[in-house]
Amino acid sequence: MFAEMIDGANNLIWSIPLIGGLLIVGLYFTIRTGLLQLRNLPDMLDQLKKGEVSPDGTSSFQSLMMSLAGRVGMGNIGGVATAIAFGGPGAVFWMWVSGFLGASTSFIECTLGQIYKEKDPDTGEYRGGPAFYFERAYKHKAPRLSLFYAILFSIVTIVAMSFFLPGVQANGMASAIDNAWGIPTWVTAIGLVILLGFIVIGGVKRIAHFAMIAVPVMAIAYIIVAIIVFFMNFEAIPRVFGLIFASAFGVQPIFGAIIGLAVKWGVQRGIYSNEAGQGTGPHAAAAAEVSHPAKQGFAQSFSVYVDTLLVCSATAFIIISTGMFNTYSGDYPGADAATEADTVGRGIGDLSLQVEPGPGYVQQGLDAAFPGWGPTFIAITLAFFVFTTIVAYYYMAEVNLTYLTRKMKNRLLARAMQRFLQALVLVSVAYGAVTSAGAAWGLGDIGVGSMAWLNVIGILVLQVPALKALKDYRQQKKAGLDPQFDPRKLGIENAEFWELRADGRTLQGRSGGALEDEGVSR
């Protein structure tokens, strides 16, 4: 009964309107922003080198790493594998499309996150995200509707980030470790819960510091290994790309019957991986210390490229070049019951049907290239990916809980709610590690889809402030200036933080702090 309810909810949420809507919205924002994915690529790269730092906010680079900590995870390994298993190699092409178009969507949502951020009165850290811009952007026109939508998104995000999504990450990690070393999933569950318990009690600064160190190391190591496999299978490059494009458009009869599934799984797993439009990126974007909101919009757009065009592509190449994949038709019967009749295509590596779609595909692919070493490397890599992703999930859940409780007078109750949130994340991790992959992915897809529906509809309505910020940034850059933001000059209302900053009442940079009426607190 529970499994049927999950499947029913998934089919409703991930229907044609959401799949097609994500692509159409990405194309729309690509046009409205003047193809910023290419036009502003230098600005994206510039944000990796520059950025302000203060006691209240993270640098652009730290914020980018926080965002990548949430984006680079199980979706980049297990997600790509399941997309190929149920949508064929062509699903990879549609992941690329969703990533390229999604970069413009990410710019809009993350720029909005910066425009309407606020400073936490307890910690002094910057907080923001969809709930904040949903409430503030048009509260002068529709205050009740804005507040209702903000609260709704906040509640959905808390549930998704603390209960629905962590289990997918834990499940993939436990599966990979079991495949590599035969360690029972319950042992991995206990270890992961203990480690996460130490990190989630820290604030955003600790999360930013941890992510800044871990994310580059794990991502670079994984990409380097993929490049090595790339050159080891150099002669397979034409076949890999040929198979991806042929499958994407149903050129080969063997994959023609599932062309629709290629689009569905490519887009679905694409957003699961890069999170463009889901509403997660704005949380990390809002925490950054920048002189203009568009700067962080560019940084977060670039993280979509890193996630999809680099890390996901690395996974796809490992799987397809070694031929370690099976593509299934209809309902997947499970690894124990799968037969040749359930497949519509198989890779040249003759992967056993008893290998469940997920990290096992990548582990077998690397094992074909580096016998005896592949499963271990993927288990270690995925452990890093998963750990930082769950930490990022908790941060986003905490931001939304803070949004709901920030005006609560009973601070003891607010603290108790935070502790409950931390416990819920740990329970979700423990459950996800020991449950079936299908159950874990089913819950995760509901969480991602629910957030995407609310956020995409919201940013379509609220797009104007972000587009004004982009135009303002480009005009200042053209004049040879380092862009500074004053929302009042652009007719943007309710951006209180930036109004104070423009008046010189909020210091930026290493000195930090805020200028008060009777002096400077540092």
Protein backbone atom coordinates (compact mmCIF):
# COMPACT_ATOMS: atom_id res chain seq x y z
CA MET A 1 0.00 0.00 0.00
CA PHE A 2 2.77 2.44 0.97
CA ALA A 3 4.75 1.67 -2.19
CA GLU A 4 1.64 2.22 -4.32
CA MET A 5 1.02 5.58 -2.65
CA ILE A 6 4.60 6.65 -3.35
CA ASP A 7 4.35 5.59 -7.00
CA GLY A 8 1.03 7.38 -7.40
CA ALA A 9 2.38 10.60 -5.91
CA ASN A 10 5.47 10.40 -8.13
CA ASN A 11 3.44 9.89 -11.29
CA LEU A 12 1.30 12.88 -10.39
CA ILE A 13 4.18 15.19 -9.49
CA TRP A 14 6.57 14.12 -12.27
CA SER A 15 3.99 14.30 -15.04
CA ILE A 16 4.43 15.93 -18.45
CA PRO A 17 3.61 19.45 -17.15
CA LEU A 18 6.59 19.43 -14.77
CA ILE A 19 9.03 17.70 -17.15
CA GLY A 20 8.14 19.97 -20.06
CA GLY A 21 7.67 22.97 -17.82
CA LEU A 22 11.23 22.80 -16.48
CA LEU A 23 12.63 22.78 -20.02
CA ILE A 24 10.31 25.55 -21.24
CA VAL A 25 11.00 27.76 -18.23
CA GLY A 26 14.74 27.25 -18.69
CA LEU A 27 14.45 28.22 -22.36
CA TYR A 28 12.33 31.24 -21.44
CA PHE A 29 14.86 32.53 -18.90
CA THR A 30 17.68 31.84 -21.36
CA ILE A 31 15.98 34.22 -23.80
CA ARG A 32 15.04 36.80 -21.15
CA THR A 33 18.59 36.93 -19.80
CA GLY A 34 20.16 37.21 -23.24
CA LEU A 35 21.86 33.80 -23.17
CA LEU A 36 23.74 34.56 -19.97
CA GLN A 37 25.05 30.98 -19.91
CA LEU A 38 27.56 32.04 -22.58
CA ARG A 39 27.45 35.83 -22.48
CA ASN A 40 28.34 36.04 -18.79
CA LEU A 41 30.61 33.02 -18.54
CA PRO A 42 33.62 35.30 -17.78
CA ASP A 43 31.66 36.81 -14.88
CA MET A 44 30.92 33.32 -13.56
CA LEU A 45 34.60 32.42 -13.60
CA ASP A 46 35.50 35.79 -12.07
CA GLN A 47 33.43 35.00 -8.99
CA LEU A 48 35.66 32.01 -8.25
CA LYS A 49 38.61 34.35 -7.75
CA LYS A 50 36.99 37.40 -6.20
CA GLY A 51 34.53 38.04 -3.43
CA GLU A 52 34.15 39.75 -0.10
CA VAL A 53 34.37 38.12 3.30
CA SER A 54 32.81 39.23 6.56
CA PRO A 55 31.95 37.73 9.94
CA ASP A 56 28.32 37.67 8.80
CA GLY A 57 28.58 36.14 5.35
CA THR A 58 30.58 33.62 3.37
CA SER A 59 32.72 34.43 0.33
CA SER A 60 31.41 33.75 -3.17
CA PHE A 61 33.73 30.75 -3.38
CA GLN A 62 32.54 29.37 -0.04
CA SER A 63 28.93 29.88 -1.08
CA LEU A 64 29.63 28.12 -4.37
CA MET A 65 31.16 25.19 -2.50
CA MET A 66 28.15 25.06 -0.16
CA SER A 67 25.88 24.94 -3.19
CA LEU A 68 27.98 22.24 -4.84
CA ALA A 69 27.91 20.30 -1.58
CA GLY A 70 24.16 20.03 -2.05
CA ARG A 71 24.26 19.49 -5.80
CA VAL A 72 27.13 17.01 -6.08
CA GLY A 73 25.92 13.82 -4.45
CA MET A 74 24.11 10.58 -5.12
CA GLY A 75 22.43 12.16 -8.15
CA ASN A 76 25.78 12.46 -9.92
CA ILE A 77 26.57 8.76 -9.58
CA GLY A 78 23.48 6.72 -8.77
CA GLY A 79 21.17 9.25 -10.42
CA VAL A 80 23.01 9.09 -13.74
CA ALA A 81 23.04 5.29 -13.55
CA THR A 82 19.29 5.07 -12.96
CA ALA A 83 18.65 7.56 -15.77
CA ILE A 84 20.58 5.31 -18.18
CA ALA A 85 18.89 2.19 -16.79
CA PHE A 86 15.34 3.47 -17.28
CA GLY A 87 15.76 6.09 -20.02
CA GLY A 88 18.65 4.70 -22.04
CA PRO A 89 21.97 6.44 -22.80
CA GLY A 90 19.94 9.23 -24.43
CA ALA A 91 18.86 10.37 -20.97
CA VAL A 92 22.38 11.79 -20.60
CA PHE A 93 21.73 14.20 -23.48
CA TRP A 94 18.59 15.49 -21.79
CA MET A 95 20.52 15.89 -18.56
CA TRP A 96 22.90 18.16 -20.50
CA VAL A 97 19.98 20.12 -21.92
CA SER A 98 18.38 20.54 -18.51
CA GLY A 99 21.73 21.67 -17.09
CA PHE A 100 22.40 24.25 -19.81
CA LEU A 101 18.90 25.71 -19.74
CA GLY A 102 18.71 25.35 -15.98
CA ALA A 103 21.72 27.63 -15.51
CA SER A 104 19.53 30.60 -16.43
CA THR A 105 16.79 29.43 -14.06
CA SER A 106 19.40 29.09 -11.33
CA PHE A 107 20.55 32.66 -11.96
CA ILE A 108 17.03 34.02 -11.48
CA GLU A 109 16.30 32.13 -8.26
CA CYS A 110 19.72 32.73 -6.70
CA THR A 111 19.75 36.43 -7.55
CA LEU A 112 16.34 36.71 -5.90
CA GLY A 113 17.78 34.89 -2.89
CA GLN A 114 20.46 37.58 -2.57
CA ILE A 115 18.11 40.52 -3.12
CA TYR A 116 15.73 39.54 -0.33
CA LYS A 117 18.14 38.06 2.21
CA GLU A 118 18.24 39.14 5.86
CA LYS A 119 20.59 38.94 8.83
CA ASP A 120 19.75 36.42 11.53
CA PRO A 121 19.25 38.34 14.80
CA ASP A 122 20.66 35.50 16.91
CA THR A 123 23.73 34.45 14.94
CA GLY A 124 24.36 37.50 12.75
CA GLU A 125 24.65 35.24 9.71
CA TYR A 126 22.91 35.98 6.42
CA ARG A 127 19.82 33.93 5.70
CA GLY A 128 17.65 33.74 2.63
CA GLY A 129 15.96 31.50 0.10
CA PRO A 130 12.64 31.10 -1.70
CA ALA A 131 10.54 31.56 1.44
CA PHE A 132 12.15 34.95 1.98
CA TYR A 133 11.68 36.21 -1.57
CA PHE A 134 8.18 34.78 -1.85
CA GLU A 135 7.16 36.79 1.23
CA ARG A 136 8.96 40.03 0.44
CA ALA A 137 9.03 40.60 -3.30
CA TYR A 138 5.38 41.57 -3.66
CA LYS A 139 4.27 42.00 -0.06
CA HIS A 140 3.40 45.62 -0.86
CA LYS A 141 0.85 44.32 -3.40
CA ALA A 142 -0.39 41.01 -2.00
CA PRO A 143 0.89 40.59 1.57
CA ARG A 144 -1.39 37.74 2.64
CA LEU A 145 -0.89 35.65 -0.49
CA SER A 146 2.86 36.27 -0.39
CA LEU A 147 3.09 35.17 3.24
CA PHE A 148 0.94 32.08 2.63
CA TYR A 149 3.06 30.98 -0.33
CA ALA A 150 6.27 31.58 1.62
CA ILE A 151 5.09 29.52 4.57
CA LEU A 152 3.89 26.74 2.26
CA PHE A 153 7.25 26.53 0.49
CA SER A 154 9.10 26.65 3.79
CA ILE A 155 7.12 23.74 5.23
CA VAL A 156 7.53 21.66 2.06
CA THR A 157 11.27 22.36 2.06
CA ILE A 158 11.70 21.40 5.70
CA VAL A 159 9.93 18.08 5.13
CA ALA A 160 11.78 17.40 1.87
CA MET A 161 15.24 18.31 3.17
CA SER A 162 14.92 16.56 6.51
CA PHE A 163 12.87 13.47 5.64
CA PHE A 164 12.45 12.77 1.91
CA LEU A 165 15.90 13.50 0.48
CA PRO A 166 18.57 12.39 2.99
CA GLY A 167 17.48 8.76 2.66
CA VAL A 168 18.41 8.60 -1.03
CA GLN A 169 21.94 9.74 -0.25
CA ALA A 170 22.34 7.32 2.65
CA ASN A 171 20.94 4.45 0.59
CA GLY A 172 23.44 4.99 -2.21
CA MET A 173 26.35 5.26 0.18
CA ALA A 174 25.36 2.12 2.09
CA SER A 175 24.89 0.21 -1.16
CA ALA A 176 28.28 1.26 -2.53
CA ILE A 177 30.06 0.34 0.71
CA ASP A 178 28.29 -3.02 0.79
CA ASN A 179 29.34 -3.68 -2.82
CA ALA A 180 32.95 -2.72 -2.11
CA TRP A 181 33.65 -4.27 1.27
CA GLY A 182 30.60 -6.32 2.22
CA ILE A 183 29.83 -4.10 5.21
CA PRO A 184 26.15 -4.47 6.21
CA THR A 185 23.99 -1.45 5.50
CA TRP A 186 22.99 -1.13 9.15
CA VAL A 187 26.63 -0.67 10.15
CA THR A 188 27.00 2.14 7.60
CA ALA A 189 23.79 3.67 8.91
CA ILE A 190 25.14 3.84 12.46
CA GLY A 191 28.48 5.30 11.38
CA LEU A 192 26.88 7.94 9.15
CA VAL A 193 24.43 9.01 11.86
CA ILE A 194 27.27 9.47 14.38
CA LEU A 195 29.40 11.54 11.99
CA LEU A 196 26.49 13.72 10.91
CA GLY A 197 25.52 14.28 14.51
CA PHE A 198 28.80 16.12 15.08
CA ILE A 199 28.54 18.44 12.07
CA VAL A 200 24.86 19.44 12.09
CA ILE A 201 25.13 21.12 15.49
CA GLY A 202 27.47 23.70 13.93
CA GLY A 203 26.40 26.88 12.16
CA VAL A 204 26.71 27.92 8.54
CA LYS A 205 30.34 28.96 9.02
CA ARG A 206 31.34 25.43 9.99
CA ILE A 207 29.32 23.99 7.13
CA ALA A 208 30.94 26.44 4.70
CA HIS A 209 34.42 25.59 5.95
CA PHE A 210 33.82 21.86 5.74
CA ALA A 211 32.31 22.10 2.26
CA MET A 212 35.06 24.39 0.99
CA ILE A 213 37.65 21.73 1.81
CA ALA A 214 35.76 18.55 0.95
CA VAL A 215 33.89 19.44 -2.23
CA PRO A 216 36.84 20.48 -4.44
CA VAL A 217 38.89 17.48 -3.34
CA MET A 218 36.20 14.89 -3.99
CA ALA A 219 35.00 16.41 -7.25
CA ILE A 220 38.48 16.89 -8.73
CA ALA A 221 39.56 13.37 -7.76
CA TYR A 222 36.47 11.88 -9.37
CA ILE A 223 36.88 13.90 -12.58
CA ILE A 224 40.59 12.98 -12.81
CA VAL A 225 39.74 9.29 -12.62
CA ALA A 226 37.07 9.77 -15.28
CA ILE A 227 39.63 11.50 -17.53
CA ILE A 228 42.00 8.56 -17.08
CA VAL A 229 39.20 6.19 -18.11
CA PHE A 230 38.49 8.57 -21.00
CA PHE A 231 42.00 8.15 -22.41
CA MET A 232 42.10 4.44 -21.66
CA ASN A 233 38.96 4.07 -23.79
CA PHE A 234 39.80 6.80 -26.28
CA GLU A 235 38.69 4.70 -29.21
CA ALA A 236 35.25 4.39 -27.62
CA ILE A 237 34.51 8.14 -27.71
CA PRO A 238 32.67 8.13 -31.07
CA ARG A 239 30.62 5.14 -29.95
CA VAL A 240 29.72 6.78 -26.62
CA PHE A 241 28.51 10.04 -28.15
CA GLY A 242 26.86 8.21 -31.02
CA LEU A 243 24.92 6.04 -28.60
CA ILE A 244 23.89 9.04 -26.48
CA PHE A 245 22.55 11.06 -29.42
CA ALA A 246 21.00 8.09 -31.21
CA SER A 247 19.20 7.06 -28.04
CA ALA A 248 18.14 10.63 -27.22
CA PHE A 249 16.22 10.99 -30.48
CA GLY A 250 15.17 7.38 -31.00
CA VAL A 251 17.40 6.90 -34.05
CA GLN A 252 18.19 3.32 -33.09
CA PRO A 253 15.09 1.07 -33.17
CA ILE A 254 16.19 -0.62 -29.96
CA PHE A 255 15.74 2.66 -28.05
CA GLY A 256 13.01 4.19 -30.20
CA ALA A 257 10.24 2.89 -27.97
CA ILE A 258 11.61 4.69 -24.90
CA ILE A 259 12.47 8.11 -26.37
CA GLY A 260 9.86 9.68 -24.10
CA LEU A 261 11.46 7.97 -21.12
CA ALA A 262 14.86 9.35 -22.16
CA VAL A 263 13.47 12.87 -21.83
CA LYS A 264 11.62 12.08 -18.60
CA TRP A 265 14.53 10.43 -16.83
CA GLY A 266 17.08 12.87 -18.19
CA VAL A 267 15.20 15.91 -16.93
CA GLN A 268 14.08 14.25 -13.68
CA ARG A 269 17.54 13.04 -12.74
CA GLY A 270 19.05 16.23 -14.15
CA ILE A 271 17.21 18.48 -11.70
CA TYR A 272 17.81 15.95 -8.92
CA SER A 273 21.50 16.41 -9.58
CA ASN A 274 21.92 20.10 -10.48
CA GLU A 275 18.86 21.36 -8.54
CA ALA A 276 18.27 24.22 -11.01
CA GLY A 277 14.78 25.54 -10.31
CA GLN A 278 14.25 23.38 -7.24
CA GLY A 279 14.83 26.28 -4.88
CA THR A 280 17.83 24.90 -3.01
CA GLY A 281 20.57 27.05 -4.56
CA PRO A 282 19.17 30.36 -3.23
CA HIS A 283 19.83 29.26 0.35
CA ALA A 284 23.59 29.08 -0.20
CA ALA A 285 23.50 32.13 -2.49
CA ALA A 286 21.91 34.27 0.21
CA ALA A 287 24.70 33.44 2.66
CA ALA A 288 27.35 35.04 0.44
CA GLU A 289 28.94 38.46 0.97
CA VAL A 290 28.79 40.28 -2.37
CA SER A 291 28.41 43.88 -3.55
CA HIS A 292 25.72 43.02 -6.09
CA PRO A 293 23.15 40.16 -6.11
CA ALA A 294 23.88 39.27 -9.74
CA LYS A 295 27.40 38.23 -8.77
CA GLN A 296 26.09 35.36 -6.70
CA GLY A 297 23.59 34.53 -9.42
CA PHE A 298 26.50 33.99 -11.79
CA ALA A 299 28.41 31.88 -9.26
CA GLN A 300 25.44 29.59 -8.71
CA SER A 301 24.80 29.27 -12.44
CA PHE A 302 28.36 28.06 -12.83
CA SER A 303 27.79 25.39 -10.18
CA VAL A 304 25.09 23.91 -12.43
CA TYR A 305 27.73 23.56 -15.17
CA VAL A 306 30.18 21.89 -12.80
CA ASP A 307 27.55 19.48 -11.57
CA THR A 308 25.97 18.43 -14.87
CA LEU A 309 28.50 19.06 -17.62
CA LEU A 310 31.50 17.82 -15.63
CA VAL A 311 30.60 15.43 -12.80
CA CYS A 312 27.49 13.84 -14.36
CA SER A 313 29.24 13.56 -17.72
CA ALA A 314 32.16 11.84 -16.02
CA THR A 315 29.81 9.23 -14.58
CA ALA A 316 28.04 8.74 -17.91
CA PHE A 317 31.31 8.21 -19.76
CA ILE A 318 32.54 5.65 -17.24
CA ILE A 319 29.31 3.65 -17.52
CA ILE A 320 28.77 3.85 -21.29
CA SER A 321 32.40 3.54 -22.45
CA THR A 322 32.87 0.34 -20.45
CA GLY A 323 29.42 -0.91 -21.46
CA MET A 324 28.46 -1.59 -17.87
CA PHE A 325 24.76 -0.83 -18.05
CA ASN A 326 21.39 -2.40 -18.74
CA THR A 327 18.36 -0.44 -19.95
CA TYR A 328 15.00 -1.74 -18.83
CA SER A 329 11.50 -1.42 -20.23
CA GLY A 330 8.33 -1.08 -18.21
CA ASP A 331 8.32 -1.70 -14.48
CA TYR A 332 11.66 -2.77 -13.04
CA PRO A 333 11.15 -6.16 -11.31
CA GLY A 334 14.18 -5.81 -9.06
CA ALA A 335 17.70 -7.19 -9.31
CA ASP A 336 16.74 -10.60 -7.97
CA ALA A 337 13.94 -11.11 -10.51
CA ALA A 338 15.29 -9.27 -13.59
CA THR A 339 15.64 -11.27 -16.81
CA GLU A 340 16.78 -10.59 -20.36
CA ALA A 341 13.15 -10.07 -21.38
CA ASP A 342 12.91 -7.03 -19.09
CA THR A 343 15.61 -5.13 -21.00
CA VAL A 344 15.48 -3.12 -24.22
CA GLY A 345 19.24 -2.72 -24.47
CA ARG A 346 22.45 -3.85 -22.81
CA GLY A 347 25.96 -2.46 -22.82
CA ILE A 348 28.85 -4.30 -24.41
CA GLY A 349 30.25 -4.99 -20.93
CA ASP A 350 27.57 -7.64 -20.38
CA LEU A 351 26.72 -6.34 -16.91
CA SER A 352 24.95 -8.88 -14.74
CA LEU A 353 21.22 -8.30 -14.42
CA GLN A 354 21.63 -8.90 -10.72
CA VAL A 355 23.46 -5.56 -10.36
CA GLU A 356 20.81 -3.08 -9.30
CA PRO A 357 20.72 0.26 -11.16
CA GLY A 358 22.68 2.75 -9.10
CA PRO A 359 26.25 3.05 -7.81
CA GLY A 360 26.89 -0.57 -8.82
CA TYR A 361 26.95 0.42 -12.51
CA VAL A 362 29.76 2.91 -11.90
CA GLN A 363 31.61 0.53 -9.61
CA GLN A 364 31.50 -2.20 -12.25
CA GLY A 365 32.53 0.29 -14.93
CA LEU A 366 35.61 1.40 -13.01
CA ASP A 367 36.37 -2.18 -12.07
CA ALA A 368 36.51 -3.00 -15.78
CA ALA A 369 39.11 -0.25 -16.20
CA PHE A 370 40.96 -0.83 -12.92
CA PRO A 371 40.34 -4.42 -11.80
CA GLY A 372 39.90 -4.79 -8.07
CA TRP A 373 39.98 -1.05 -7.43
CA GLY A 374 36.79 0.42 -8.90
CA PRO A 375 34.26 -0.51 -6.20
CA THR A 376 36.53 0.82 -3.44
CA PHE A 377 37.15 4.17 -5.15
CA ILE A 378 33.46 4.77 -5.82
CA ALA A 379 32.53 3.82 -2.26
CA ILE A 380 35.02 6.35 -0.87
CA THR A 381 34.04 9.05 -3.38
CA LEU A 382 30.34 8.54 -2.80
CA ALA A 383 30.89 8.68 0.95
CA PHE A 384 32.32 12.20 0.54
CA PHE A 385 29.60 13.22 -1.90
CA VAL A 386 26.81 11.91 0.29
CA PHE A 387 28.14 13.35 3.53
CA THR A 388 28.47 16.90 2.23
CA THR A 389 25.11 16.68 0.47
CA ILE A 390 23.25 15.66 3.63
CA VAL A 391 25.00 18.44 5.55
CA ALA A 392 23.79 20.90 2.90
CA TYR A 393 20.28 19.45 3.14
CA TYR A 394 20.26 20.07 6.86
CA TYR A 395 21.44 23.64 6.38
CA MET A 396 18.57 24.37 3.99
CA ALA A 397 16.04 22.77 6.33
CA GLU A 398 17.44 24.83 9.19
CA VAL A 399 17.21 28.07 7.19
CA ASN A 400 13.52 27.43 6.51
CA LEU A 401 12.86 26.49 10.11
CA THR A 402 14.55 29.73 11.15
CA TYR A 403 12.27 31.56 8.74
CA LEU A 404 9.19 30.10 10.43
CA THR A 405 10.43 30.69 13.98
CA ARG A 406 12.37 33.96 13.62
CA LYS A 407 9.55 36.00 15.17
CA MET A 408 8.69 33.43 17.82
CA LYS A 409 9.01 34.95 21.28
CA ASN A 410 9.55 31.62 23.00
CA ARG A 411 13.16 31.01 21.94
CA LEU A 412 13.33 27.85 24.03
CA LEU A 413 10.59 26.34 21.87
CA ALA A 414 12.41 27.47 18.74
CA ARG A 415 15.59 25.74 19.95
CA ALA A 416 13.62 22.59 20.72
CA MET A 417 12.20 22.60 17.18
CA GLN A 418 15.73 22.87 15.82
CA ARG A 419 16.82 19.86 17.86
CA PHE A 420 13.81 17.93 16.57
CA LEU A 421 14.81 18.84 13.01
CA GLN A 422 18.31 17.53 13.62
CA ALA A 423 16.91 14.29 15.00
CA LEU A 424 14.56 13.91 12.01
CA VAL A 425 17.47 14.21 9.58
CA LEU A 426 19.39 11.52 11.44
CA VAL A 427 16.35 9.22 11.53
CA SER A 428 15.85 9.71 7.78
CA VAL A 429 19.49 8.82 7.16
CA ALA A 430 19.24 5.67 9.25
CA TYR A 431 16.02 4.57 7.52
CA GLY A 432 17.30 5.38 4.04
CA ALA A 433 20.48 3.39 4.52
CA VAL A 434 18.65 0.15 5.29
CA THR A 435 15.54 0.44 3.08
CA SER A 436 15.28 -0.56 -0.59
CA ALA A 437 16.67 1.68 -3.33
CA GLY A 438 13.23 1.99 -4.92
CA ALA A 439 11.64 3.24 -1.70
CA ALA A 440 14.45 5.72 -1.08
CA TRP A 441 14.36 7.14 -4.63
CA GLY A 442 10.57 7.29 -4.54
CA LEU A 443 10.55 9.51 -1.47
CA GLY A 444 13.40 11.62 -2.83
CA ASP A 445 11.62 12.26 -6.12
CA ILE A 446 8.52 13.45 -4.27
CA GLY A 447 10.63 15.92 -2.29
CA VAL A 448 12.43 17.32 -5.33
CA GLY A 449 9.30 17.54 -7.46
CA SER A 450 7.19 19.23 -4.79
CA MET A 451 9.79 21.93 -4.25
CA ALA A 452 10.29 22.42 -7.99
CA TRP A 453 6.59 22.93 -8.65
CA LEU A 454 6.30 25.65 -6.02
CA ASN A 455 9.58 27.38 -6.81
CA VAL A 456 9.29 27.46 -10.60
CA ILE A 457 5.78 28.91 -10.45
CA GLY A 458 6.99 31.44 -7.90
CA ILE A 459 10.04 32.71 -9.79
CA LEU A 460 8.00 33.08 -12.97
CA VAL A 461 5.86 35.57 -11.05
CA LEU A 462 8.80 37.24 -9.27
CA GLN A 463 11.32 37.33 -12.14
CA VAL A 464 11.33 41.12 -12.68
CA PRO A 465 13.62 42.10 -9.75
CA ALA A 466 16.22 39.54 -10.85
CA LEU A 467 16.10 40.76 -14.45
CA LYS A 468 16.46 44.36 -13.27
CA ALA A 469 19.49 43.35 -11.21
CA LEU A 470 21.04 41.66 -14.26
CA LYS A 471 20.51 44.74 -16.43
CA ASP A 472 21.95 46.98 -13.71
CA TYR A 473 25.01 44.75 -13.34
CA ARG A 474 25.72 44.77 -17.06
CA GLN A 475 25.36 48.54 -17.30
CA GLN A 476 27.80 49.11 -14.44
CA LYS A 477 30.30 46.61 -15.85
CA LYS A 478 30.07 48.30 -19.25
CA ALA A 479 30.92 51.59 -17.53
CA GLY A 480 34.03 49.99 -16.04
CA LEU A 481 32.68 49.88 -12.48
CA ASP A 482 32.64 47.21 -9.82
CA PRO A 483 28.85 46.79 -9.63
CA GLN A 484 27.18 48.05 -6.44
CA PHE A 485 23.51 47.46 -5.73
CA ASP A 486 20.87 49.95 -4.61
CA PRO A 487 17.39 48.45 -5.07
CA ARG A 488 15.63 51.82 -4.79
CA LYS A 489 17.29 53.08 -7.97
CA LEU A 490 15.79 50.11 -9.82
CA GLY A 491 12.33 50.39 -8.30
CA ILE A 492 12.79 47.18 -6.29
CA GLU A 493 10.88 47.30 -3.02
CA ASN A 494 11.21 45.42 0.27
CA ALA A 495 14.95 44.69 -0.09
CA GLU A 496 15.72 46.13 3.35
CA PHE A 497 19.20 44.69 3.71
CA TRP A 498 20.41 46.28 0.48
CA GLU A 499 18.75 49.59 1.30
CA LEU A 500 20.73 49.73 4.55
CA ARG A 501 23.89 48.76 2.74
CA ALA A 502 23.43 51.45 0.10
CA ASP A 503 23.01 53.99 2.92
CA GLY A 504 26.31 52.88 4.45
CA ARG A 505 24.70 51.30 7.48
CA THR A 506 26.06 47.84 6.79
CA LEU A 507 29.77 47.32 6.37
CA GLN A 508 31.02 44.81 3.81
CA GLY A 509 34.38 43.10 3.54
CA ARG A 510 36.73 41.85 6.19
CA SER A 511 35.79 44.44 8.78
CA GLY A 512 32.26 43.01 8.89
CA GLY A 513 29.62 44.05 11.33
CA ALA A 514 26.75 46.47 10.98
CA LEU A 515 26.65 50.22 11.43
CA GLU A 516 24.09 51.13 14.07
CA ASP A 517 22.65 54.56 14.78
CA GLU A 518 24.97 55.11 17.72
CA GLY A 519 28.14 53.49 16.49
CA VAL A 520 29.69 50.54 14.79
CA SER A 521 29.45 47.04 16.19
CA ARG A 522 32.24 44.80 15.00
